Structures are given as structure tokens and as C-alpha cells.
């Protein structure tokens, strides 16, 4: 299993979750946990996903999600779970 943390931040608009999740499903990436909120018109989502079944190289997925974010007006960032955990441990 290869877990990745994906964050999506930007001005709220219709279809953000659908477009991100469609991309992930099309690339065999399983969403294991998801949390999203909207605060004063700003959308914030954090996902934990399993990229273990995807045939797409990690760097390619990161680039394509960044491009998708640009297209829908949000900032999408990916970080491997092990790096995320090491950066945020106390």
C-alpha cells in the first residue's frame, strides 16, 4: 500500500470534489479518507489516498493534479504519507 496526502484549497465552486475524485478513480487511486469544509467561501479538502494500484508514475500524477487544480481554480498538492508524517511529528 502506498499512501499519499492530497490537499485541495481555493475559492469554492461547483464540482471540485467530483473532478478531483474522477481523476483519482480514472487512475485507480482509492480514496481512503476525506475531509472537506467551506469557510467564508473558501474550499479546503484533505484526502488520504492509496496509490498502490495506479500504473501512473507518482511524479506524473502530481503534475496532472497540479494542472487539474489550475484548470478548476484551486491549489492541489500531493505528499507521500511517510514524508508528511516525518514533517509533522512532534
C-alpha atoms as a PDB file:
ATOM      1  CA  UNK A   1       0.000   0.000   0.000  1.00  0.00           C
ATOM      2  CA  UNK A   2       1.318   3.434  -0.940  1.00  0.00           C
ATOM      3  CA  UNK A   3      -0.483   6.289   0.790  1.00  0.00           C
ATOM      4  CA  UNK A   4      -0.470   9.921  -0.269  1.00  0.00           C
ATOM      5  CA  UNK A   5      -1.919  13.026   1.366  1.00  0.00           C
ATOM      6  CA  UNK A   6      -3.719  15.302  -1.095  1.00  0.00           C
ATOM      7  CA  UNK A   7      -4.820  18.809  -0.169  1.00  0.00           C
ATOM      8  CA  UNK A   8      -7.128  20.995  -2.238  1.00  0.00           C
ATOM      9  CA  UNK A   9      -7.571  24.677  -1.365  1.00  0.00           C
ATOM     10  CA  UNK A  10      -9.259  27.535  -3.191  1.00  0.00           C
ATOM     11  CA  UNK A  11     -12.379  29.562  -3.775  1.00  0.00           C
ATOM     12  CA  UNK A  12     -15.447  27.325  -3.597  1.00  0.00           C
ATOM     13  CA  UNK A  13     -17.067  26.266  -6.875  1.00  0.00           C
ATOM     14  CA  UNK A  14     -19.408  23.552  -8.070  1.00  0.00           C
ATOM     15  CA  UNK A  15     -17.726  20.233  -8.927  1.00  0.00           C
ATOM     16  CA  UNK A  16     -14.346  20.462  -7.200  1.00  0.00           C
ATOM     17  CA  UNK A  17     -14.739  17.170  -5.334  1.00  0.00           C
ATOM     18  CA  UNK A  18     -16.241  15.452  -8.368  1.00  0.00           C
ATOM     19  CA  UNK A  19     -13.403  16.478 -10.681  1.00  0.00           C
ATOM     20  CA  UNK A  20     -10.640  15.511  -8.268  1.00  0.00           C
ATOM     21  CA  UNK A  21     -12.270  12.181  -7.383  1.00  0.00           C
ATOM     22  CA  UNK A  22     -12.964  11.394 -11.057  1.00  0.00           C
ATOM     23  CA  UNK A  23      -9.280  11.903 -11.853  1.00  0.00           C
ATOM     24  CA  UNK A  24      -8.294   9.629  -8.964  1.00  0.00           C
ATOM     25  CA  UNK A  25     -10.791   6.909  -9.938  1.00  0.00           C
ATOM     26  CA  UNK A  26      -9.671   7.031 -13.583  1.00  0.00           C
ATOM     27  CA  UNK A  27      -6.121   6.353 -12.356  1.00  0.00           C
ATOM     28  CA  UNK A  28      -7.001   3.520  -9.936  1.00  0.00           C
ATOM     29  CA  UNK A  29      -6.306   5.653  -6.849  1.00  0.00           C
ATOM     30  CA  UNK A  30      -8.515   4.711  -3.886  1.00  0.00           C
ATOM     31  CA  UNK A  31      -9.778   7.427  -1.531  1.00  0.00           C
ATOM     32  CA  UNK A  32      -9.421   6.030   1.994  1.00  0.00           C
ATOM     33  CA  UNK A  33     -10.396   9.120   3.982  1.00  0.00           C
ATOM     34  CA  UNK A  34     -11.652  12.558   3.063  1.00  0.00           C
ATOM     35  CA  UNK A  35     -12.462  15.719   4.970  1.00  0.00           C
ATOM     36  CA  UNK A  36     -13.708  18.929   3.441  1.00  0.00           C
ATOM     37  CA  UNK A  37     -15.015  22.227   4.662  1.00  0.00           C
ATOM     38  CA  UNK A  38     -16.017  25.590   3.296  1.00  0.00           C
ATOM     39  CA  UNK A  39     -15.203  28.694   5.339  1.00  0.00           C
ATOM     40  CA  UNK A  40     -16.463  32.062   4.113  1.00  0.00           C
ATOM     41  CA  UNK A  41     -16.481  30.872   0.511  1.00  0.00           C
ATOM     42  CA  UNK A  42     -13.109  29.112   0.591  1.00  0.00           C
ATOM     43  CA  UNK A  43     -12.932  25.370  -0.028  1.00  0.00           C
ATOM     44  CA  UNK A  44     -10.474  23.167   1.866  1.00  0.00           C
ATOM     45  CA  UNK A  45     -10.170  19.398   1.425  1.00  0.00           C
ATOM     46  CA  UNK A  46      -7.705  16.846   2.734  1.00  0.00           C
ATOM     47  CA  UNK A  47      -7.648  13.297   1.413  1.00  0.00           C
ATOM     48  CA  UNK A  48      -5.688  10.196   2.275  1.00  0.00           C
ATOM     49  CA  UNK A  49      -5.426   8.023  -0.808  1.00  0.00           C
ATOM     50  CA  UNK A  50      -3.862   4.685  -1.732  1.00  0.00           C
ATOM     51  CA  UNK A  51      -1.878   4.917  -4.980  1.00  0.00           C
ATOM     52  CA  UNK A  52      -0.681   1.304  -4.832  1.00  0.00           C
ATOM     53  CA  UNK A  53      -2.857   0.089  -7.737  1.00  0.00           C
ATOM     54  CA  UNK A  54      -2.172   3.031 -10.027  1.00  0.00           C
ATOM     55  CA  UNK A  55       0.077   2.420 -13.027  1.00  0.00           C
ATOM     56  CA  UNK A  56       0.778   6.130 -13.379  1.00  0.00           C
ATOM     57  CA  UNK A  57       4.175   7.238 -12.060  1.00  0.00           C
ATOM     58  CA  UNK A  58       3.875   9.332  -8.882  1.00  0.00           C
ATOM     59  CA  UNK A  59       5.517  12.374 -10.492  1.00  0.00           C
ATOM     60  CA  UNK A  60       3.072  12.188 -13.398  1.00  0.00           C
ATOM     61  CA  UNK A  61       0.101  12.107 -11.038  1.00  0.00           C
ATOM     62  CA  UNK A  62       1.444  15.096  -9.098  1.00  0.00           C
ATOM     63  CA  UNK A  63       1.883  17.101 -12.309  1.00  0.00           C
ATOM     64  CA  UNK A  64      -1.544  16.181 -13.660  1.00  0.00           C
ATOM     65  CA  UNK A  65      -3.273  17.041 -10.375  1.00  0.00           C
ATOM     66  CA  UNK A  66      -1.436  20.373 -10.324  1.00  0.00           C
ATOM     67  CA  UNK A  67      -2.680  21.025 -13.876  1.00  0.00           C
ATOM     68  CA  UNK A  68      -6.210  19.972 -12.893  1.00  0.00           C
ATOM     69  CA  UNK A  69      -6.086  22.405  -9.984  1.00  0.00           C
ATOM     70  CA  UNK A  70      -5.068  25.214 -12.326  1.00  0.00           C
ATOM     71  CA  UNK A  71      -7.944  24.332 -14.658  1.00  0.00           C
ATOM     72  CA  UNK A  72     -10.585  24.412 -11.898  1.00  0.00           C
ATOM     73  CA  UNK A  73      -9.115  27.315  -9.936  1.00  0.00           C
ATOM     74  CA  UNK A  74      -7.770  25.552  -6.844  1.00  0.00           C
ATOM     75  CA  UNK A  75      -4.371  24.578  -5.485  1.00  0.00           C
ATOM     76  CA  UNK A  76      -3.842  20.791  -5.363  1.00  0.00           C
ATOM     77  CA  UNK A  77      -0.798  19.420  -3.566  1.00  0.00           C
ATOM     78  CA  UNK A  78       0.338  15.824  -3.018  1.00  0.00           C
ATOM     79  CA  UNK A  79       2.729  14.471  -0.446  1.00  0.00           C
ATOM     80  CA  UNK A  80       3.683  10.899   0.285  1.00  0.00           C
ATOM     81  CA  UNK A  81       2.445   9.782   3.705  1.00  0.00           C
ATOM     82  CA  UNK A  82       5.874   8.886   5.061  1.00  0.00           C
ATOM     83  CA  UNK A  83       7.259  12.350   4.264  1.00  0.00           C
ATOM     84  CA  UNK A  84       4.104  14.039   5.593  1.00  0.00           C
ATOM     85  CA  UNK A  85       4.354  12.091   8.842  1.00  0.00           C
ATOM     86  CA  UNK A  86       8.027  12.903   9.335  1.00  0.00           C
ATOM     87  CA  UNK A  87       7.420  16.610   8.721  1.00  0.00           C
ATOM     88  CA  UNK A  88       4.515  16.800  11.174  1.00  0.00           C
ATOM     89  CA  UNK A  89       5.690  14.671  14.077  1.00  0.00           C
ATOM     90  CA  UNK A  90       6.135  16.328  17.437  1.00  0.00           C
END
